[in-house]
């Protein structure tokens, strides 16, 4: 099962990173920015944790 965790975690991280990059083209609310940036940070941390455990 760990071999499936890395691709899913990578897709999750890419989703939030792309969302964070595209976010600044629009004029969203403050909490939307906070949520997307926090999601991007946490997804990168989760990806790192999965990577070092493999």
C-alpha atoms as a PDB file:
ATOM      1  CA  UNK A   1       0.000   0.000   0.000  1.00  0.00           C
ATOM      2  CA  UNK A   2       2.832   2.526   0.588  1.00  0.00           C
ATOM      3  CA  UNK A   3       3.652   2.401  -3.115  1.00  0.00           C
ATOM      4  CA  UNK A   4       0.227   3.981  -3.814  1.00  0.00           C
ATOM      5  CA  UNK A   5       0.590   6.625  -1.136  1.00  0.00           C
ATOM      6  CA  UNK A   6       3.357   8.545  -2.898  1.00  0.00           C
ATOM      7  CA  UNK A   7       1.477   9.181  -6.188  1.00  0.00           C
ATOM      8  CA  UNK A   8      -1.687  10.241  -4.363  1.00  0.00           C
ATOM      9  CA  UNK A   9       0.286  12.535  -2.087  1.00  0.00           C
ATOM     10  CA  UNK A  10       2.102  13.973  -5.110  1.00  0.00           C
ATOM     11  CA  UNK A  11      -1.193  14.703  -6.894  1.00  0.00           C
ATOM     12  CA  UNK A  12      -2.565  16.312  -3.743  1.00  0.00           C
ATOM     13  CA  UNK A  13       0.523  18.512  -3.413  1.00  0.00           C
ATOM     14  CA  UNK A  14       0.454  19.477  -7.099  1.00  0.00           C
ATOM     15  CA  UNK A  15      -3.215  20.440  -6.833  1.00  0.00           C
ATOM     16  CA  UNK A  16      -2.552  22.829  -3.961  1.00  0.00           C
ATOM     17  CA  UNK A  17       0.644  24.248  -5.475  1.00  0.00           C
ATOM     18  CA  UNK A  18      -1.077  24.979  -8.796  1.00  0.00           C
ATOM     19  CA  UNK A  19      -4.039  26.449  -6.905  1.00  0.00           C
ATOM     20  CA  UNK A  20      -1.700  28.695  -4.919  1.00  0.00           C
ATOM     21  CA  UNK A  21       0.019  29.922  -8.095  1.00  0.00           C
ATOM     22  CA  UNK A  22      -3.274  30.580  -9.888  1.00  0.00           C
ATOM     23  CA  UNK A  23      -4.796  32.157  -6.791  1.00  0.00           C
ATOM     24  CA  UNK A  24      -2.989  35.445  -7.171  1.00  0.00           C
ATOM     25  CA  UNK A  25      -4.474  36.081 -10.626  1.00  0.00           C
ATOM     26  CA  UNK A  26      -7.910  36.482  -9.036  1.00  0.00           C
ATOM     27  CA  UNK A  27      -8.976  38.645  -6.134  1.00  0.00           C
ATOM     28  CA  UNK A  28     -10.201  36.058  -3.612  1.00  0.00           C
ATOM     29  CA  UNK A  29     -10.988  36.712  -0.004  1.00  0.00           C
ATOM     30  CA  UNK A  30      -8.386  36.586   2.724  1.00  0.00           C
ATOM     31  CA  UNK A  31      -9.536  33.244   4.126  1.00  0.00           C
ATOM     32  CA  UNK A  32      -9.427  31.650   0.684  1.00  0.00           C
ATOM     33  CA  UNK A  33      -5.784  32.684   0.359  1.00  0.00           C
ATOM     34  CA  UNK A  34      -4.996  31.397   3.836  1.00  0.00           C
ATOM     35  CA  UNK A  35      -6.703  28.067   3.147  1.00  0.00           C
ATOM     36  CA  UNK A  36      -4.958  27.456  -0.163  1.00  0.00           C
ATOM     37  CA  UNK A  37      -1.525  28.472   1.117  1.00  0.00           C
ATOM     38  CA  UNK A  38      -1.962  26.351   4.245  1.00  0.00           C
ATOM     39  CA  UNK A  39      -3.096  23.421   2.113  1.00  0.00           C
ATOM     40  CA  UNK A  40      -0.075  23.838  -0.159  1.00  0.00           C
ATOM     41  CA  UNK A  41       2.290  23.914   2.803  1.00  0.00           C
ATOM     42  CA  UNK A  42       0.733  20.902   4.526  1.00  0.00           C
ATOM     43  CA  UNK A  43       0.630  18.873   1.319  1.00  0.00           C
ATOM     44  CA  UNK A  44       4.338  19.508   0.719  1.00  0.00           C
ATOM     45  CA  UNK A  45       5.083  18.478   4.315  1.00  0.00           C
ATOM     46  CA  UNK A  46       3.020  15.299   3.851  1.00  0.00           C
ATOM     47  CA  UNK A  47       4.828  14.555   0.590  1.00  0.00           C
ATOM     48  CA  UNK A  48       8.175  14.983   2.348  1.00  0.00           C
ATOM     49  CA  UNK A  49       7.103  12.661   5.183  1.00  0.00           C
ATOM     50  CA  UNK A  50       6.012   9.965   2.732  1.00  0.00           C
ATOM     51  CA  UNK A  51       9.213  10.372   0.716  1.00  0.00           C
ATOM     52  CA  UNK A  52      11.570   9.938   3.686  1.00  0.00           C
ATOM     53  CA  UNK A  53       9.660   6.866   4.948  1.00  0.00           C
ATOM     54  CA  UNK A  54      10.073   5.044   1.636  1.00  0.00           C
END
